[in-house]
Amino acid sequence: MVSLIVVTGVAISVGFFVWFADKRHHRYGMLLLPAVSLCTALVLWIILQFAGLGYHPDLFWLAWLLPLVSATIVTAAAAWWFGRHREQADAEAMTAILRRR
């Protein structure tokens, strides 16, 4: 149970840190990246718990480390993708609005 609380707290913190570090974070919402980070970490944590790694004496640390590492990687990729595509979509929408007038 403690590992779930730690993984949840650190995953949300990672999401906010990546959001803050992204220079295009004004293009998407503040809670998007923490949500991506949390979902990634918890899904992998659940998979590792069902695989038995959370209860194996020599490998229990994998159930703590792998969700956080994967959450960091997926959140950084999501920040890059959302920032890039939202910027492009906003530019296209602005161009379409300006052409109508």
Protein backbone atom coordinates (compact mmCIF):
# COMPACT_ATOMS: atom_id res chain seq x y z
CA MET A 1 0.00 0.00 0.00
CA VAL A 2 2.87 2.37 0.73
CA SER A 3 4.28 1.81 -2.75
CA LEU A 4 0.97 2.87 -4.29
CA ILE A 5 0.98 6.12 -2.32
CA VAL A 6 4.60 6.86 -3.17
CA VAL A 7 4.19 6.04 -6.86
CA THR A 8 1.04 8.19 -7.05
CA GLY A 9 2.62 11.19 -5.36
CA VAL A 10 5.85 11.08 -7.32
CA ALA A 11 4.02 10.53 -10.64
CA ILE A 12 1.85 13.60 -10.08
CA SER A 13 4.95 15.60 -9.12
CA VAL A 14 6.74 14.44 -12.26
CA GLY A 15 3.76 15.53 -14.35
CA PHE A 16 3.74 19.02 -12.84
CA PHE A 17 7.51 19.32 -13.20
CA VAL A 18 7.41 18.37 -16.89
CA TRP A 19 4.52 20.80 -17.43
CA PHE A 20 6.51 23.58 -15.76
CA ALA A 21 9.67 22.78 -17.73
CA ASP A 22 7.86 22.76 -21.09
CA LYS A 23 8.13 26.15 -22.78
CA ARG A 24 4.88 25.55 -24.72
CA HIS A 25 2.80 24.66 -21.65
CA HIS A 26 0.44 27.56 -22.33
CA ARG A 27 -0.96 25.58 -25.27
CA TYR A 28 -2.67 22.91 -23.16
CA GLY A 29 -4.16 22.58 -19.71
CA MET A 30 -2.24 22.45 -16.46
CA LEU A 31 -3.62 19.06 -15.40
CA LEU A 32 -3.06 17.22 -18.68
CA LEU A 33 0.53 16.11 -18.08
CA PRO A 34 0.03 15.14 -14.43
CA ALA A 35 -2.93 13.02 -15.57
CA VAL A 36 -0.83 11.35 -18.28
CA SER A 37 1.95 10.72 -15.79
CA LEU A 38 -0.40 9.33 -13.15
CA CYS A 39 -2.21 7.02 -15.58
CA THR A 40 1.05 5.68 -16.98
CA ALA A 41 2.54 5.01 -13.55
CA LEU A 42 -0.57 3.41 -12.09
CA VAL A 43 -1.24 1.13 -15.05
CA LEU A 44 2.32 -0.14 -14.96
CA TRP A 45 2.22 -0.44 -11.16
CA ILE A 46 -0.93 -2.58 -11.38
CA ILE A 47 0.63 -4.77 -14.07
CA LEU A 48 3.76 -5.28 -11.97
CA GLN A 49 1.70 -6.08 -8.87
CA PHE A 50 -0.27 -8.72 -10.75
CA ALA A 51 2.99 -10.09 -12.13
CA GLY A 52 4.14 -10.59 -8.55
CA LEU A 53 7.09 -8.20 -8.58
CA GLY A 54 5.68 -6.18 -5.68
CA TYR A 55 5.96 -9.18 -3.39
CA HIS A 56 9.21 -10.74 -4.59
CA PRO A 57 11.93 -9.99 -2.00
CA ASP A 58 14.70 -9.37 -4.52
CA LEU A 59 12.69 -7.51 -7.16
CA PHE A 60 10.22 -5.40 -5.16
CA TRP A 61 12.13 -2.22 -6.07
CA LEU A 62 11.13 -2.70 -9.72
CA ALA A 63 7.50 -2.06 -8.78
CA TRP A 64 8.62 1.34 -7.46
CA LEU A 65 11.17 2.34 -10.07
CA LEU A 66 9.73 1.19 -13.41
CA PRO A 67 6.40 3.06 -13.10
CA LEU A 68 8.21 6.30 -12.28
CA VAL A 69 10.74 5.97 -15.08
CA SER A 70 8.05 5.09 -17.62
CA ALA A 71 5.84 7.95 -16.37
CA THR A 72 8.70 10.39 -16.86
CA ILE A 73 9.41 9.18 -20.40
CA VAL A 74 5.75 9.07 -21.47
CA THR A 75 5.01 12.48 -19.93
CA ALA A 76 7.98 14.11 -21.66
CA ALA A 77 6.86 12.58 -24.97
CA ALA A 78 3.29 13.75 -24.35
CA ALA A 79 4.47 17.29 -23.59
CA TRP A 80 6.42 17.36 -26.83
CA TRP A 81 3.52 15.92 -28.83
CA PHE A 82 0.74 18.03 -27.30
CA GLY A 83 2.76 21.23 -27.46
CA ARG A 84 3.74 20.70 -31.07
CA HIS A 85 0.34 19.61 -32.34
CA ARG A 86 -1.67 22.14 -30.36
CA GLU A 87 0.54 24.93 -31.66
CA GLN A 88 0.00 23.73 -35.21
CA ALA A 89 -3.77 23.32 -34.71
CA ASP A 90 -4.05 26.78 -33.14
CA ALA A 91 -2.15 28.34 -36.06
CA GLU A 92 -4.42 26.62 -38.58
CA ALA A 93 -7.54 27.70 -36.70
CA MET A 94 -6.30 31.30 -36.50
CA THR A 95 -5.50 31.30 -40.21
CA ALA A 96 -8.99 29.98 -41.02
CA ILE A 97 -10.63 32.63 -38.85
CA LEU A 98 -8.60 35.43 -40.40
CA ARG A 99 -9.37 34.26 -43.94
CA ARG A 100 -13.11 34.41 -43.27
CA ARG A 101 -13.00 38.13 -42.51
